[in-house]
Amino acid sequence: MELWDIPIIVAGSESGVAYTIGDSRAAIDFLLMRWPCTLNQSYQTAIYVCGRSIADRNENAAAQEAFIAALSDADIAFDFMPASSQGGQAKA
């Protein structure tokens, strides 16, 4: 499993918890286990594309883009992990 070039930090709705999403498996985990919103089309697309990414490493960038689109459509706050912090990242 390849890590995404730039991990994403997702603001959790529970007591200020933040999740670091650094690959497609962590993204699917967040989508399936922690998703706080309606399961709209961008959510469905993110599940599909992240699943394909796990099977085909060439889909890594597309998986991250689909995950970001789902977050944006759901108005879930997120940011990109600064390059100086990427050394020992934790995954959701």
N, C-alpha and C. Protein backbone atom coordinates (compact mmCIF):
# COMPACT_ATOMS: atom_id res chain seq x y z
N MET A 1 0.85 -1.18 0.00
CA MET A 1 0.00 0.00 0.00
C MET A 1 0.89 1.24 0.00
N GLU A 2 0.71 2.06 -0.98
CA GLU A 2 1.49 3.29 -1.07
C GLU A 2 0.81 4.41 -0.30
N LEU A 3 1.63 5.20 0.36
CA LEU A 3 1.11 6.37 1.06
C LEU A 3 0.82 7.48 0.07
N TRP A 4 -0.15 8.32 0.41
CA TRP A 4 -0.43 9.49 -0.40
C TRP A 4 0.73 10.47 -0.28
N ASP A 5 0.95 11.26 -1.31
CA ASP A 5 2.05 12.23 -1.29
C ASP A 5 1.92 13.21 -0.13
N ILE A 6 0.72 13.69 0.08
CA ILE A 6 0.47 14.64 1.17
C ILE A 6 -0.73 14.13 1.98
N PRO A 7 -0.50 13.69 3.21
CA PRO A 7 -1.61 13.22 4.04
C PRO A 7 -2.61 14.34 4.32
N ILE A 8 -3.82 13.93 4.65
CA ILE A 8 -4.91 14.87 4.93
C ILE A 8 -5.27 14.75 6.40
N ILE A 9 -5.46 15.88 7.04
CA ILE A 9 -5.92 15.93 8.43
C ILE A 9 -7.40 16.30 8.39
N VAL A 10 -8.24 15.42 8.92
CA VAL A 10 -9.69 15.62 8.92
C VAL A 10 -10.13 15.97 10.33
N ALA A 11 -10.89 17.05 10.46
CA ALA A 11 -11.42 17.44 11.76
C ALA A 11 -12.59 16.54 12.10
N GLY A 12 -12.48 15.86 13.22
CA GLY A 12 -13.56 15.00 13.66
C GLY A 12 -14.63 15.81 14.38
N SER A 13 -15.84 15.30 14.37
CA SER A 13 -16.95 16.01 15.01
C SER A 13 -17.01 15.74 16.51
N GLU A 14 -16.26 14.76 16.97
CA GLU A 14 -16.30 14.38 18.37
C GLU A 14 -15.14 15.02 19.15
N SER A 15 -15.47 15.93 20.01
CA SER A 15 -14.53 16.55 20.96
C SER A 15 -13.20 16.97 20.35
N GLY A 16 -13.22 17.50 19.15
CA GLY A 16 -12.02 18.04 18.54
C GLY A 16 -10.99 17.03 18.08
N VAL A 17 -11.37 15.79 17.95
CA VAL A 17 -10.45 14.76 17.48
C VAL A 17 -10.13 15.03 16.01
N ALA A 18 -8.86 14.87 15.65
CA ALA A 18 -8.46 15.01 14.24
C ALA A 18 -7.91 13.66 13.77
N TYR A 19 -8.20 13.32 12.53
CA TYR A 19 -7.75 12.07 11.94
C TYR A 19 -6.77 12.38 10.83
N THR A 20 -5.66 11.65 10.80
CA THR A 20 -4.70 11.78 9.72
C THR A 20 -4.94 10.65 8.74
N ILE A 21 -5.24 11.02 7.51
CA ILE A 21 -5.51 10.04 6.46
C ILE A 21 -4.34 10.08 5.49
N GLY A 22 -3.58 8.99 5.44
CA GLY A 22 -2.38 8.97 4.63
C GLY A 22 -2.36 7.97 3.49
N ASP A 23 -3.43 7.18 3.37
CA ASP A 23 -3.50 6.23 2.26
C ASP A 23 -4.95 5.82 2.04
N SER A 24 -5.18 5.02 1.03
CA SER A 24 -6.54 4.65 0.65
C SER A 24 -7.23 3.78 1.69
N ARG A 25 -6.49 2.93 2.38
CA ARG A 25 -7.10 2.10 3.42
C ARG A 25 -7.60 2.96 4.57
N ALA A 26 -6.83 3.95 4.98
CA ALA A 26 -7.26 4.86 6.05
C ALA A 26 -8.47 5.67 5.59
N ALA A 27 -8.49 6.04 4.31
CA ALA A 27 -9.63 6.80 3.78
C ALA A 27 -10.90 5.95 3.81
N ILE A 28 -10.81 4.69 3.39
CA ILE A 28 -11.98 3.82 3.43
C ILE A 28 -12.44 3.59 4.87
N ASP A 29 -11.48 3.42 5.77
CA ASP A 29 -11.84 3.26 7.18
C ASP A 29 -12.63 4.46 7.67
N PHE A 30 -12.16 5.65 7.35
CA PHE A 30 -12.86 6.86 7.76
C PHE A 30 -14.25 6.92 7.12
N LEU A 31 -14.32 6.64 5.84
CA LEU A 31 -15.59 6.70 5.13
C LEU A 31 -16.61 5.71 5.70
N LEU A 32 -16.16 4.51 6.00
CA LEU A 32 -17.08 3.47 6.47
C LEU A 32 -17.39 3.53 7.97
N MET A 33 -16.42 3.96 8.77
CA MET A 33 -16.58 3.88 10.22
C MET A 33 -16.81 5.23 10.92
N ARG A 34 -16.42 6.32 10.28
CA ARG A 34 -16.47 7.61 10.98
C ARG A 34 -17.22 8.70 10.21
N TRP A 35 -17.77 8.36 9.08
CA TRP A 35 -18.43 9.36 8.22
C TRP A 35 -19.66 9.93 8.94
N PRO A 36 -19.69 11.24 9.18
CA PRO A 36 -20.78 11.83 9.96
C PRO A 36 -21.93 12.38 9.13
N CYS A 37 -21.90 12.21 7.83
CA CYS A 37 -22.85 12.91 6.95
C CYS A 37 -23.65 11.94 6.09
N THR A 38 -24.47 12.53 5.24
CA THR A 38 -25.27 11.77 4.28
C THR A 38 -24.36 11.05 3.30
N LEU A 39 -24.77 9.89 2.87
CA LEU A 39 -24.00 9.09 1.91
C LEU A 39 -24.37 9.50 0.49
N ASN A 40 -23.83 10.63 0.06
CA ASN A 40 -24.17 11.19 -1.25
C ASN A 40 -23.30 10.59 -2.36
N GLN A 41 -23.44 11.13 -3.57
CA GLN A 41 -22.73 10.61 -4.74
C GLN A 41 -21.21 10.71 -4.59
N SER A 42 -20.71 11.81 -4.05
CA SER A 42 -19.25 11.94 -3.90
C SER A 42 -18.71 10.95 -2.87
N TYR A 43 -19.51 10.65 -1.85
CA TYR A 43 -19.14 9.62 -0.87
C TYR A 43 -19.04 8.26 -1.58
N GLN A 44 -20.05 7.92 -2.37
CA GLN A 44 -20.06 6.65 -3.10
C GLN A 44 -18.86 6.55 -4.04
N THR A 45 -18.56 7.65 -4.72
CA THR A 45 -17.41 7.68 -5.63
C THR A 45 -16.12 7.47 -4.87
N ALA A 46 -15.98 8.12 -3.71
CA ALA A 46 -14.76 7.98 -2.91
C ALA A 46 -14.56 6.53 -2.46
N ILE A 47 -15.65 5.88 -2.03
CA ILE A 47 -15.56 4.47 -1.63
C ILE A 47 -15.06 3.62 -2.82
N TYR A 48 -15.66 3.84 -3.98
CA TYR A 48 -15.30 3.07 -5.17
C TYR A 48 -13.84 3.30 -5.58
N VAL A 49 -13.45 4.57 -5.68
CA VAL A 49 -12.11 4.90 -6.17
C VAL A 49 -11.03 4.48 -5.15
N CYS A 50 -11.30 4.66 -3.87
CA CYS A 50 -10.33 4.22 -2.86
C CYS A 50 -10.18 2.70 -2.88
N GLY A 51 -11.28 1.99 -3.08
CA GLY A 51 -11.21 0.54 -3.20
C GLY A 51 -10.39 0.10 -4.40
N ARG A 52 -10.58 0.78 -5.51
CA ARG A 52 -9.77 0.48 -6.70
C ARG A 52 -8.30 0.78 -6.46
N SER A 53 -8.04 1.82 -5.69
CA SER A 53 -6.66 2.22 -5.41
C SER A 53 -5.92 1.15 -4.61
N ILE A 54 -6.64 0.48 -3.73
CA ILE A 54 -6.02 -0.58 -2.94
C ILE A 54 -5.58 -1.73 -3.85
N ALA A 55 -6.38 -2.00 -4.87
CA ALA A 55 -6.06 -3.07 -5.81
C ALA A 55 -5.05 -2.64 -6.87
N ASP A 56 -5.03 -1.37 -7.21
CA ASP A 56 -4.18 -0.86 -8.29
C ASP A 56 -3.48 0.41 -7.82
N ARG A 57 -2.21 0.31 -7.53
CA ARG A 57 -1.46 1.45 -6.98
C ARG A 57 -1.47 2.68 -7.89
N ASN A 58 -1.78 2.50 -9.16
CA ASN A 58 -1.81 3.63 -10.09
C ASN A 58 -2.97 4.58 -9.81
N GLU A 59 -3.91 4.18 -8.99
CA GLU A 59 -5.10 4.98 -8.69
C GLU A 59 -4.92 5.83 -7.42
N ASN A 60 -3.73 5.89 -6.86
CA ASN A 60 -3.49 6.58 -5.60
C ASN A 60 -3.92 8.05 -5.63
N ALA A 61 -3.52 8.79 -6.63
CA ALA A 61 -3.86 10.21 -6.72
C ALA A 61 -5.36 10.40 -6.91
N ALA A 62 -5.97 9.54 -7.71
CA ALA A 62 -7.42 9.62 -7.92
C ALA A 62 -8.18 9.35 -6.64
N ALA A 63 -7.68 8.43 -5.82
CA ALA A 63 -8.32 8.11 -4.54
C ALA A 63 -8.29 9.32 -3.61
N GLN A 64 -7.14 9.97 -3.54
CA GLN A 64 -7.04 11.14 -2.68
C GLN A 64 -7.97 12.26 -3.18
N GLU A 65 -8.02 12.46 -4.47
CA GLU A 65 -8.91 13.49 -5.03
C GLU A 65 -10.38 13.18 -4.73
N ALA A 66 -10.76 11.92 -4.86
CA ALA A 66 -12.15 11.53 -4.58
C ALA A 66 -12.47 11.71 -3.10
N PHE A 67 -11.53 11.39 -2.24
CA PHE A 67 -11.74 11.56 -0.80
C PHE A 67 -11.89 13.04 -0.45
N ILE A 68 -11.06 13.88 -1.03
CA ILE A 68 -11.15 15.33 -0.80
C ILE A 68 -12.49 15.86 -1.31
N ALA A 69 -12.93 15.39 -2.46
CA ALA A 69 -14.22 15.83 -3.01
C ALA A 69 -15.37 15.45 -2.07
N ALA A 70 -15.32 14.25 -1.51
CA ALA A 70 -16.36 13.83 -0.57
C ALA A 70 -16.35 14.70 0.68
N LEU A 71 -15.16 14.99 1.20
CA LEU A 71 -15.06 15.88 2.37
C LEU A 71 -15.61 17.26 2.06
N SER A 72 -15.24 17.79 0.92
CA SER A 72 -15.69 19.13 0.52
C SER A 72 -17.20 19.19 0.36
N ASP A 73 -17.77 18.21 -0.33
CA ASP A 73 -19.21 18.18 -0.55
C ASP A 73 -19.99 18.05 0.75
N ALA A 74 -19.40 17.40 1.74
CA ALA A 74 -20.06 17.21 3.03
C ALA A 74 -19.74 18.33 4.02
N ASP A 75 -18.98 19.33 3.58
CA ASP A 75 -18.56 20.43 4.45
C ASP A 75 -17.83 19.95 5.70
N ILE A 76 -16.99 18.95 5.53
CA ILE A 76 -16.16 18.45 6.61
C ILE A 76 -14.82 19.17 6.52
N ALA A 77 -14.40 19.78 7.62
CA ALA A 77 -13.15 20.54 7.63
C ALA A 77 -11.96 19.61 7.48
N PHE A 78 -11.02 20.01 6.65
CA PHE A 78 -9.79 19.24 6.48
C PHE A 78 -8.66 20.17 6.10
N ASP A 79 -7.45 19.68 6.23
CA ASP A 79 -6.26 20.43 5.85
C ASP A 79 -5.23 19.41 5.40
N PHE A 80 -4.15 19.90 4.85
CA PHE A 80 -3.06 19.03 4.41
C PHE A 80 -1.96 19.07 5.46
N MET A 81 -1.36 17.92 5.72
CA MET A 81 -0.31 17.85 6.72
C MET A 81 0.92 18.60 6.20
N PRO A 82 1.46 19.49 7.01
CA PRO A 82 2.67 20.21 6.60
C PRO A 82 3.82 19.24 6.35
N ALA A 83 4.64 19.56 5.39
CA ALA A 83 5.76 18.68 5.01
C ALA A 83 6.66 18.37 6.20
N SER A 84 6.85 19.31 7.10
CA SER A 84 7.73 19.10 8.25
C SER A 84 7.17 18.09 9.24
N SER A 85 5.88 17.76 9.15
CA SER A 85 5.24 16.84 10.09
C SER A 85 5.03 15.45 9.53
N GLN A 86 5.45 15.19 8.31
CA GLN A 86 5.10 13.95 7.65
C GLN A 86 5.98 12.76 8.01
N GLY A 87 6.98 12.95 8.83
CA GLY A 87 7.88 11.85 9.15
C GLY A 87 7.21 10.64 9.76
N GLY A 88 6.58 10.78 10.90
CA GLY A 88 5.98 9.64 11.59
C GLY A 88 4.48 9.78 11.70
N GLN A 89 3.81 9.77 10.61
CA GLN A 89 2.36 10.01 10.62
C GLN A 89 1.58 8.81 11.13
N ALA A 90 0.51 9.11 11.84
CA ALA A 90 -0.42 8.07 12.29
C ALA A 90 -1.57 8.01 11.31
N LYS A 91 -2.20 6.86 11.23
CA LYS A 91 -3.32 6.69 10.30
C LYS A 91 -4.59 6.47 11.09
N ALA A 92 -5.71 6.84 10.47
CA ALA A 92 -7.01 6.60 11.13
C ALA A 92 -7.35 5.15 11.06
